[in-house]
Amino acid sequence: MSTSTATIVAARTRLELKMFVRHREQMAVTFAMPVLLLVLLALIGGGTVDGTGVAESRVHAAGMIAVGIVSAGFQGLALAVAAERRDGTLKRLRGTPMPPVAYLLGKIAQVIVVSLVQVALLLVVGVIGLDLTLPHDPTRWLTFAWVFVLGVTVATLLGLAASGLMRKGANGALIILPFTALQFVSGVFVAPGGLPHGVQRFAAVFPLKWLTQGMRSVFLPDSFRAVEPAGSWELGRVALVLAAWGVVALVVWIRTFRWIENER
């Protein structure tokens, strides 16, 4: 990347963050919803996962961290970019010297910052109120780093790809409903061992299941591996599936992205 392109990317990132902060309602929902769901799950639950001694609230905390990342990237960007296309923002950007890669990297950087803040909030709530223990092993934090970066990148690419598939007049429910449904089958609200095998196989097709599993490997004790579908964290498969979805999403985004409404 040339110096001039890097400068444009940095400027674009700052602008993306400023626009996010200006939309106070969106910012409130982005940060508050995962925290609220986590607290509600803790109030409703309160038991432990059979055979592990791990509190359900800790499982929920790891799951909501994954949900927060996907929410900021996939759901947030799909709706935001589609709106930018409808109101002519993308059309105006197309007429500037900004390279398309700067737009992509600016979006990824914005999601990284938002996701980091969101993860920090969830960890604070988890540690203070839900008996979540932060890992002391540096290798677990290394695992968190690559799972987080890969998850953010995949979620961002999926959001951009989904925005390209949304046609004029498309309802946001087309994005929100499938994402919400996946949360129920991906081990976010229910420990993976408590789901029917058919549901587990279905969820394994999608990245949320693997991102959630990667986060459990960071924040839950090794004893929890016994109730994972494969009896292990499967971190190699986590990386493989997330990377594969990233490639697919990138191809779809390249083929379907439109700067102008009804351009294709």
C-alpha atoms as a PDB file:
ATOM      1  CA  MET A   1       0.000   0.000   0.000  1.00  0.00           C
ATOM      2  CA  SER A   2       1.417   3.375  -1.016  1.00  0.00           C
ATOM      3  CA  THR A   3       1.820   6.236   1.436  1.00  0.00           C
ATOM      4  CA  SER A   4      -0.926   8.239  -0.273  1.00  0.00           C
ATOM      5  CA  THR A   5      -3.365   5.312  -0.105  1.00  0.00           C
ATOM      6  CA  ALA A   6      -2.523   4.733   3.569  1.00  0.00           C
ATOM      7  CA  THR A   7      -3.232   8.407   4.262  1.00  0.00           C
ATOM      8  CA  ILE A   8      -6.596   8.137   2.495  1.00  0.00           C
ATOM      9  CA  VAL A   9      -7.451   4.989   4.466  1.00  0.00           C
ATOM     10  CA  ALA A  10      -6.602   6.732   7.742  1.00  0.00           C
ATOM     11  CA  ALA A  11      -8.738   9.723   6.801  1.00  0.00           C
ATOM     12  CA  ARG A  12     -11.582   7.456   5.738  1.00  0.00           C
ATOM     13  CA  THR A  13     -11.393   5.562   9.023  1.00  0.00           C
ATOM     14  CA  ARG A  14     -11.636   8.775  11.028  1.00  0.00           C
ATOM     15  CA  LEU A  15     -14.636   9.844   8.964  1.00  0.00           C
ATOM     16  CA  GLU A  16     -16.357   6.475   9.413  1.00  0.00           C
ATOM     17  CA  LEU A  17     -15.931   6.726  13.186  1.00  0.00           C
ATOM     18  CA  LYS A  18     -17.221  10.308  13.253  1.00  0.00           C
ATOM     19  CA  MET A  19     -20.316   9.284  11.282  1.00  0.00           C
ATOM     20  CA  PHE A  20     -20.911   6.356  13.626  1.00  0.00           C
ATOM     21  CA  VAL A  21     -20.703   8.584  16.713  1.00  0.00           C
ATOM     22  CA  ARG A  22     -23.048  11.157  15.169  1.00  0.00           C
ATOM     23  CA  HIS A  23     -25.765   8.514  14.797  1.00  0.00           C
ATOM     24  CA  ARG A  24     -26.406   8.346  18.520  1.00  0.00           C
ATOM     25  CA  GLU A  25     -29.395   5.998  18.287  1.00  0.00           C
ATOM     26  CA  GLN A  26     -27.417   3.498  16.217  1.00  0.00           C
ATOM     27  CA  MET A  27     -24.468   3.786  18.588  1.00  0.00           C
ATOM     28  CA  ALA A  28     -26.699   3.225  21.621  1.00  0.00           C
ATOM     29  CA  VAL A  29     -28.303   0.141  20.092  1.00  0.00           C
ATOM     30  CA  THR A  30     -24.940  -1.255  18.959  1.00  0.00           C
ATOM     31  CA  PHE A  31     -23.392  -1.028  22.414  1.00  0.00           C
ATOM     32  CA  ALA A  32     -26.431  -1.484  24.650  1.00  0.00           C
ATOM     33  CA  MET A  33     -28.224  -4.403  22.992  1.00  0.00           C
ATOM     34  CA  PRO A  34     -25.560  -7.119  23.572  1.00  0.00           C
ATOM     35  CA  VAL A  35     -25.032  -5.928  27.159  1.00  0.00           C
ATOM     36  CA  LEU A  36     -28.784  -5.903  27.826  1.00  0.00           C
ATOM     37  CA  LEU A  37     -29.214  -9.387  26.364  1.00  0.00           C
ATOM     38  CA  LEU A  38     -26.299 -10.673  28.429  1.00  0.00           C
ATOM     39  CA  VAL A  39     -27.791  -9.294  31.645  1.00  0.00           C
ATOM     40  CA  LEU A  40     -31.250 -10.685  30.801  1.00  0.00           C
ATOM     41  CA  LEU A  41     -29.786 -14.117  30.059  1.00  0.00           C
ATOM     42  CA  ALA A  42     -27.984 -14.055  33.397  1.00  0.00           C
ATOM     43  CA  LEU A  43     -31.201 -13.160  35.218  1.00  0.00           C
ATOM     44  CA  ILE A  44     -33.204 -15.866  33.443  1.00  0.00           C
ATOM     45  CA  GLY A  45     -30.541 -18.552  33.785  1.00  0.00           C
ATOM     46  CA  GLY A  46     -28.190 -18.855  36.719  1.00  0.00           C
ATOM     47  CA  GLY A  47     -27.376 -22.565  36.617  1.00  0.00           C
ATOM     48  CA  THR A  48     -24.367 -24.482  35.398  1.00  0.00           C
ATOM     49  CA  VAL A  49     -23.810 -26.537  32.274  1.00  0.00           C
ATOM     50  CA  ASP A  50     -24.132 -30.234  33.101  1.00  0.00           C
ATOM     51  CA  GLY A  51     -20.851 -32.092  33.387  1.00  0.00           C
ATOM     52  CA  THR A  52     -18.663 -28.999  33.333  1.00  0.00           C
ATOM     53  CA  GLY A  53     -19.358 -26.938  36.447  1.00  0.00           C
ATOM     54  CA  VAL A  54     -19.256 -23.857  34.206  1.00  0.00           C
ATOM     55  CA  ALA A  55     -21.896 -21.211  34.906  1.00  0.00           C
ATOM     56  CA  GLU A  56     -24.312 -20.640  32.036  1.00  0.00           C
ATOM     57  CA  SER A  57     -23.677 -16.904  32.356  1.00  0.00           C
ATOM     58  CA  ARG A  58     -20.032 -17.453  31.349  1.00  0.00           C
ATOM     59  CA  VAL A  59     -21.148 -19.361  28.259  1.00  0.00           C
ATOM     60  CA  HIS A  60     -23.535 -16.543  27.404  1.00  0.00           C
ATOM     61  CA  ALA A  61     -20.799 -13.936  27.869  1.00  0.00           C
ATOM     62  CA  ALA A  62     -18.487 -15.678  25.399  1.00  0.00           C
ATOM     63  CA  GLY A  63     -21.367 -16.047  22.960  1.00  0.00           C
ATOM     64  CA  MET A  64     -22.444 -12.421  23.208  1.00  0.00           C
ATOM     65  CA  ILE A  65     -18.899 -11.270  22.452  1.00  0.00           C
ATOM     66  CA  ALA A  66     -19.154 -13.144  19.151  1.00  0.00           C
ATOM     67  CA  VAL A  67     -22.640 -11.755  18.532  1.00  0.00           C
ATOM     68  CA  GLY A  68     -21.407  -8.223  19.171  1.00  0.00           C
ATOM     69  CA  ILE A  69     -18.659  -8.604  16.565  1.00  0.00           C
ATOM     70  CA  VAL A  70     -21.032  -9.969  13.920  1.00  0.00           C
ATOM     71  CA  SER A  71     -23.664  -7.385  14.790  1.00  0.00           C
ATOM     72  CA  ALA A  72     -21.236  -4.490  14.295  1.00  0.00           C
ATOM     73  CA  GLY A  73     -19.855  -5.911  11.059  1.00  0.00           C
ATOM     74  CA  PHE A  74     -22.547  -7.890   9.279  1.00  0.00           C
ATOM     75  CA  GLN A  75     -25.807  -6.381  10.450  1.00  0.00           C
ATOM     76  CA  GLY A  76     -24.566  -2.840  10.987  1.00  0.00           C
ATOM     77  CA  LEU A  77     -22.674  -2.511   7.709  1.00  0.00           C
ATOM     78  CA  ALA A  78     -25.278  -4.243   5.547  1.00  0.00           C
ATOM     79  CA  LEU A  79     -27.900  -1.721   6.615  1.00  0.00           C
ATOM     80  CA  ALA A  80     -25.545   1.296   6.692  1.00  0.00           C
ATOM     81  CA  VAL A  81     -23.999   0.730   3.245  1.00  0.00           C
ATOM     82  CA  ALA A  82     -27.406   0.066   1.691  1.00  0.00           C
ATOM     83  CA  ALA A  83     -28.580   3.374   3.186  1.00  0.00           C
ATOM     84  CA  GLU A  84     -25.472   5.154   1.835  1.00  0.00           C
ATOM     85  CA  ARG A  85     -26.318   3.837  -1.613  1.00  0.00           C
ATOM     86  CA  ARG A  86     -29.937   4.953  -1.399  1.00  0.00           C
ATOM     87  CA  ASP A  87     -29.166   8.498  -0.228  1.00  0.00           C
ATOM     88  CA  GLY A  88     -26.472   9.032  -2.874  1.00  0.00           C
ATOM     89  CA  THR A  89     -23.433   8.976  -0.550  1.00  0.00           C
ATOM     90  CA  LEU A  90     -21.748   6.191  -2.517  1.00  0.00           C
ATOM     91  CA  LYS A  91     -22.455   7.946  -5.795  1.00  0.00           C
ATOM     92  CA  ARG A  92     -20.643  11.032  -4.522  1.00  0.00           C
ATOM     93  CA  LEU A  93     -17.724   8.929  -3.242  1.00  0.00           C
ATOM     94  CA  ARG A  94     -17.378   7.320  -6.651  1.00  0.00           C
ATOM     95  CA  GLY A  95     -16.615  10.727  -8.123  1.00  0.00           C
ATOM     96  CA  THR A  96     -13.672  11.298  -5.767  1.00  0.00           C
ATOM     97  CA  PRO A  97     -10.054  10.082  -6.150  1.00  0.00           C
ATOM     98  CA  MET A  98     -10.561   7.671  -3.240  1.00  0.00           C
ATOM     99  CA  PRO A  99      -9.588   4.114  -4.256  1.00  0.00           C
ATOM    100  CA  PRO A 100     -12.232   1.438  -3.494  1.00  0.00           C
ATOM    101  CA  VAL A 101      -9.761  -0.365  -1.195  1.00  0.00           C
ATOM    102  CA  ALA A 102      -9.715   2.708   1.058  1.00  0.00           C
ATOM    103  CA  TYR A 103     -13.482   2.454   1.451  1.00  0.00           C
ATOM    104  CA  LEU A 104     -13.202  -1.262   2.329  1.00  0.00           C
ATOM    105  CA  LEU A 105     -10.328  -0.801   4.793  1.00  0.00           C
ATOM    106  CA  GLY A 106     -12.037   2.199   6.373  1.00  0.00           C
ATOM    107  CA  LYS A 107     -15.117   0.082   7.029  1.00  0.00           C
ATOM    108  CA  ILE A 108     -13.035  -2.760   8.489  1.00  0.00           C
ATOM    109  CA  ALA A 109     -11.141  -0.334  10.747  1.00  0.00           C
ATOM    110  CA  GLN A 110     -14.398   1.204  11.965  1.00  0.00           C
ATOM    111  CA  VAL A 111     -15.806  -2.231  12.819  1.00  0.00           C
ATOM    112  CA  ILE A 112     -12.571  -3.149  14.626  1.00  0.00           C
ATOM    113  CA  VAL A 113     -12.771  -0.042  16.848  1.00  0.00           C
ATOM    114  CA  VAL A 114     -16.499  -0.469  17.529  1.00  0.00           C
ATOM    115  CA  SER A 115     -16.051  -4.177  18.254  1.00  0.00           C
ATOM    116  CA  LEU A 116     -13.155  -3.520  20.639  1.00  0.00           C
ATOM    117  CA  VAL A 117     -15.276  -1.068  22.635  1.00  0.00           C
ATOM    118  CA  GLN A 118     -18.158  -3.526  22.616  1.00  0.00           C
ATOM    119  CA  VAL A 119     -15.965  -6.423  23.777  1.00  0.00           C
ATOM    120  CA  ALA A 120     -14.528  -4.240  26.551  1.00  0.00           C
ATOM    121  CA  LEU A 121     -18.044  -3.375  27.782  1.00  0.00           C
ATOM    122  CA  LEU A 122     -19.128  -7.026  27.727  1.00  0.00           C
ATOM    123  CA  LEU A 123     -15.990  -8.112  29.581  1.00  0.00           C
ATOM    124  CA  VAL A 124     -16.519  -5.469  32.254  1.00  0.00           C
ATOM    125  CA  VAL A 125     -20.125  -6.605  32.754  1.00  0.00           C
ATOM    126  CA  GLY A 126     -19.072 -10.264  32.673  1.00  0.00           C
ATOM    127  CA  VAL A 127     -16.268  -9.879  35.198  1.00  0.00           C
ATOM    128  CA  ILE A 128     -18.172  -7.629  37.608  1.00  0.00           C
ATOM    129  CA  GLY A 129     -21.581  -9.278  37.513  1.00  0.00           C
ATOM    130  CA  LEU A 130     -21.393 -12.697  35.885  1.00  0.00           C
ATOM    131  CA  ASP A 131     -18.368 -14.430  37.410  1.00  0.00           C
ATOM    132  CA  LEU A 132     -16.466 -14.315  34.131  1.00  0.00           C
ATOM    133  CA  THR A 133     -12.752 -14.948  34.651  1.00  0.00           C
ATOM    134  CA  LEU A 134     -10.248 -13.326  32.323  1.00  0.00           C
ATOM    135  CA  PRO A 135      -7.588 -15.760  31.076  1.00  0.00           C
ATOM    136  CA  HIS A 136      -4.092 -15.551  32.555  1.00  0.00           C
ATOM    137  CA  ASP A 137      -2.454 -17.667  29.843  1.00  0.00           C
ATOM    138  CA  PRO A 138      -0.902 -15.442  27.116  1.00  0.00           C
ATOM    139  CA  THR A 139      -1.676 -18.096  24.491  1.00  0.00           C
ATOM    140  CA  ARG A 140      -5.382 -17.618  25.152  1.00  0.00           C
ATOM    141  CA  TRP A 141      -5.087 -13.902  24.491  1.00  0.00           C
ATOM    142  CA  LEU A 142      -3.193 -14.732  21.300  1.00  0.00           C
ATOM    143  CA  THR A 143      -6.095 -16.970  20.331  1.00  0.00           C
ATOM    144  CA  PHE A 144      -8.491 -14.136  21.135  1.00  0.00           C
ATOM    145  CA  ALA A 145      -6.482 -11.780  18.906  1.00  0.00           C
ATOM    146  CA  TRP A 146      -6.588 -13.909  15.764  1.00  0.00           C
ATOM    147  CA  VAL A 147     -10.180 -15.065  16.302  1.00  0.00           C
ATOM    148  CA  PHE A 148     -11.223 -11.444  16.865  1.00  0.00           C
ATOM    149  CA  VAL A 149      -9.415 -10.073  13.794  1.00  0.00           C
ATOM    150  CA  LEU A 150     -10.616 -12.908  11.577  1.00  0.00           C
ATOM    151  CA  GLY A 151     -14.154 -12.577  12.918  1.00  0.00           C
ATOM    152  CA  VAL A 152     -14.231  -8.814  12.378  1.00  0.00           C
ATOM    153  CA  THR A 153     -12.892  -9.150   8.840  1.00  0.00           C
ATOM    154  CA  VAL A 154     -15.396 -11.865   7.913  1.00  0.00           C
ATOM    155  CA  ALA A 155     -18.307  -9.974   9.492  1.00  0.00           C
ATOM    156  CA  THR A 156     -17.336  -6.798   7.630  1.00  0.00           C
ATOM    157  CA  LEU A 157     -17.037  -8.583   4.286  1.00  0.00           C
ATOM    158  CA  LEU A 158     -20.359 -10.342   4.856  1.00  0.00           C
ATOM    159  CA  GLY A 159     -21.993  -7.019   5.673  1.00  0.00           C
ATOM    160  CA  LEU A 160     -20.635  -5.415   2.506  1.00  0.00           C
ATOM    161  CA  ALA A 161     -21.664  -8.454   0.450  1.00  0.00           C
ATOM    162  CA  ALA A 162     -25.172  -8.433   1.928  1.00  0.00           C
ATOM    163  CA  SER A 163     -25.513  -4.716   1.200  1.00  0.00           C
ATOM    164  CA  GLY A 164     -24.811  -5.416  -2.460  1.00  0.00           C
ATOM    165  CA  LEU A 165     -27.567  -8.028  -2.550  1.00  0.00           C
ATOM    166  CA  MET A 166     -30.143  -5.685  -1.033  1.00  0.00           C
ATOM    167  CA  ARG A 167     -32.259  -4.096  -3.702  1.00  0.00           C
ATOM    168  CA  LYS A 168     -34.152  -0.825  -3.587  1.00  0.00           C
ATOM    169  CA  GLY A 169     -36.880  -0.925  -0.964  1.00  0.00           C
ATOM    170  CA  ALA A 170     -35.460  -4.010   0.759  1.00  0.00           C
ATOM    171  CA  ASN A 171     -36.435  -4.284   4.404  1.00  0.00           C
ATOM    172  CA  GLY A 172     -33.843  -4.454   7.158  1.00  0.00           C
ATOM    173  CA  ALA A 173     -35.670  -7.510   8.478  1.00  0.00           C
ATOM    174  CA  LEU A 174     -34.055  -9.490   5.661  1.00  0.00           C
ATOM    175  CA  ILE A 175     -30.762  -9.010   7.516  1.00  0.00           C
ATOM    176  CA  ILE A 176     -31.908  -8.910  11.141  1.00  0.00           C
ATOM    177  CA  LEU A 177     -34.186 -11.976  11.199  1.00  0.00           C
ATOM    178  CA  PRO A 178     -31.714 -14.546   9.799  1.00  0.00           C
ATOM    179  CA  PHE A 179     -28.959 -13.205  12.068  1.00  0.00           C
ATOM    180  CA  THR A 180     -31.233 -13.441  15.102  1.00  0.00           C
ATOM    181  CA  ALA A 181     -32.278 -16.988  14.184  1.00  0.00           C
ATOM    182  CA  LEU A 182     -28.638 -18.084  13.863  1.00  0.00           C
ATOM    183  CA  GLN A 183     -27.929 -16.914  17.401  1.00  0.00           C
ATOM    184  CA  PHE A 184     -30.337 -19.540  18.749  1.00  0.00           C
ATOM    185  CA  VAL A 185     -28.628 -22.433  16.941  1.00  0.00           C
ATOM    186  CA  SER A 186     -24.983 -21.332  17.220  1.00  0.00           C
ATOM    187  CA  GLY A 187     -24.372 -21.939  20.919  1.00  0.00           C
ATOM    188  CA  VAL A 188     -24.983 -18.357  22.020  1.00  0.00           C
ATOM    189  CA  PHE A 189     -28.064 -18.905  24.203  1.00  0.00           C
ATOM    190  CA  VAL A 190     -27.829 -22.684  24.649  1.00  0.00           C
ATOM    191  CA  ALA A 191     -24.687 -24.729  25.290  1.00  0.00           C
ATOM    192  CA  PRO A 192     -23.797 -26.567  22.037  1.00  0.00           C
ATOM    193  CA  GLY A 193     -24.210 -29.981  23.653  1.00  0.00           C
ATOM    194  CA  GLY A 194     -27.835 -29.154  24.429  1.00  0.00           C
ATOM    195  CA  LEU A 195     -28.786 -28.696  20.779  1.00  0.00           C
ATOM    196  CA  PRO A 196     -30.099 -31.518  18.532  1.00  0.00           C
ATOM    197  CA  HIS A 197     -27.474 -33.006  16.213  1.00  0.00           C
ATOM    198  CA  GLY A 198     -29.319 -31.806  13.121  1.00  0.00           C
ATOM    199  CA  VAL A 199     -29.324 -28.251  14.463  1.00  0.00           C
ATOM    200  CA  GLN A 200     -25.614 -28.517  15.270  1.00  0.00           C
ATOM    201  CA  ARG A 201     -24.813 -29.624  11.722  1.00  0.00           C
ATOM    202  CA  PHE A 202     -26.910 -26.788  10.307  1.00  0.00           C
ATOM    203  CA  ALA A 203     -25.204 -24.198  12.512  1.00  0.00           C
ATOM    204  CA  ALA A 204     -21.761 -25.538  11.549  1.00  0.00           C
ATOM    205  CA  VAL A 205     -22.304 -24.236   8.024  1.00  0.00           C
ATOM    206  CA  PHE A 206     -22.303 -20.626   9.217  1.00  0.00           C
ATOM    207  CA  PRO A 207     -19.469 -18.527  10.704  1.00  0.00           C
ATOM    208  CA  LEU A 208     -21.282 -17.411  13.876  1.00  0.00           C
ATOM    209  CA  LYS A 209     -21.058 -20.922  15.320  1.00  0.00           C
ATOM    210  CA  TRP A 210     -17.287 -21.016  14.813  1.00  0.00           C
ATOM    211  CA  LEU A 211     -16.687 -17.491  16.050  1.00  0.00           C
ATOM    212  CA  THR A 212     -18.691 -18.312  19.180  1.00  0.00           C
ATOM    213  CA  GLN A 213     -16.719 -21.527  19.665  1.00  0.00           C
ATOM    214  CA  GLY A 214     -13.451 -19.649  19.266  1.00  0.00           C
ATOM    215  CA  MET A 215     -14.479 -17.198  21.971  1.00  0.00           C
ATOM    216  CA  ARG A 216     -15.477 -20.039  24.292  1.00  0.00           C
ATOM    217  CA  SER A 217     -11.976 -21.483  23.877  1.00  0.00           C
ATOM    218  CA  VAL A 218     -10.596 -18.197  25.219  1.00  0.00           C
ATOM    219  CA  PHE A 219     -12.903 -17.468  28.136  1.00  0.00           C
ATOM    220  CA  LEU A 220     -14.067 -20.898  29.323  1.00  0.00           C
ATOM    221  CA  PRO A 221     -12.012 -23.580  31.107  1.00  0.00           C
ATOM    222  CA  ASP A 222     -10.771 -26.636  29.230  1.00  0.00           C
ATOM    223  CA  SER A 223     -13.312 -28.762  31.080  1.00  0.00           C
ATOM    224  CA  PHE A 224     -15.970 -27.253  28.807  1.00  0.00           C
ATOM    225  CA  ARG A 225     -14.463 -29.015  25.795  1.00  0.00           C
ATOM    226  CA  ALA A 226     -16.282 -32.172  26.899  1.00  0.00           C
ATOM    227  CA  VAL A 227     -19.639 -30.721  25.799  1.00  0.00           C
ATOM    228  CA  GLU A 228     -18.386 -29.292  22.514  1.00  0.00           C
ATOM    229  CA  PRO A 229     -19.723 -31.298  19.529  1.00  0.00           C
ATOM    230  CA  ALA A 230     -16.248 -32.659  18.670  1.00  0.00           C
ATOM    231  CA  GLY A 231     -14.996 -32.834  22.253  1.00  0.00           C
ATOM    232  CA  SER A 232     -12.394 -30.154  21.501  1.00  0.00           C
ATOM    233  CA  TRP A 233     -12.160 -26.463  20.595  1.00  0.00           C
ATOM    234  CA  GLU A 234     -11.308 -27.290  16.938  1.00  0.00           C
ATOM    235  CA  LEU A 235      -9.374 -24.044  16.550  1.00  0.00           C
ATOM    236  CA  GLY A 236      -7.907 -25.150  13.232  1.00  0.00           C
ATOM    237  CA  ARG A 237     -11.394 -25.653  11.865  1.00  0.00           C
ATOM    238  CA  VAL A 238     -12.496 -22.341  13.363  1.00  0.00           C
ATOM    239  CA  ALA A 239      -9.786 -20.581  11.343  1.00  0.00           C
ATOM    240  CA  LEU A 240     -10.544 -22.589   8.189  1.00  0.00           C
ATOM    241  CA  VAL A 241     -14.298 -21.981   8.193  1.00  0.00           C
ATOM    242  CA  LEU A 242     -13.986 -18.277   9.006  1.00  0.00           C
ATOM    243  CA  ALA A 243     -11.340 -17.809   6.301  1.00  0.00           C
ATOM    244  CA  ALA A 244     -13.499 -19.658   3.764  1.00  0.00           C
ATOM    245  CA  TRP A 245     -16.488 -17.454   4.539  1.00  0.00           C
ATOM    246  CA  GLY A 246     -14.252 -14.410   4.208  1.00  0.00           C
ATOM    247  CA  VAL A 247     -13.168 -15.457   0.712  1.00  0.00           C
ATOM    248  CA  VAL A 248     -16.749 -16.179  -0.348  1.00  0.00           C
ATOM    249  CA  ALA A 249     -17.966 -12.856   1.050  1.00  0.00           C
ATOM    250  CA  LEU A 250     -15.153 -10.972  -0.698  1.00  0.00           C
ATOM    251  CA  VAL A 251     -16.035 -12.553  -4.056  1.00  0.00           C
ATOM    252  CA  VAL A 252     -19.741 -11.796  -3.582  1.00  0.00           C
ATOM    253  CA  TRP A 253     -18.968  -8.206  -2.579  1.00  0.00           C
ATOM    254  CA  ILE A 254     -16.759  -7.653  -5.637  1.00  0.00           C
ATOM    255  CA  ARG A 255     -19.414  -9.087  -7.957  1.00  0.00           C
ATOM    256  CA  THR A 256     -22.441  -7.359  -6.456  1.00  0.00           C
ATOM    257  CA  PHE A 257     -21.219  -4.057  -5.019  1.00  0.00           C
ATOM    258  CA  ARG A 258     -22.863  -1.026  -6.598  1.00  0.00           C
ATOM    259  CA  TRP A 259     -21.980   2.615  -6.085  1.00  0.00           C
ATOM    260  CA  ILE A 260     -25.343   3.747  -7.507  1.00  0.00           C
ATOM    261  CA  GLU A 261     -28.846   2.427  -6.846  1.00  0.00           C
ATOM    262  CA  ASN A 262     -30.001   0.214  -9.729  1.00  0.00           C
ATOM    263  CA  GLU A 263     -26.569   0.476 -11.326  1.00  0.00           C
ATOM    264  CA  ARG A 264     -26.892  -3.148 -12.425  1.00  0.00           C
END
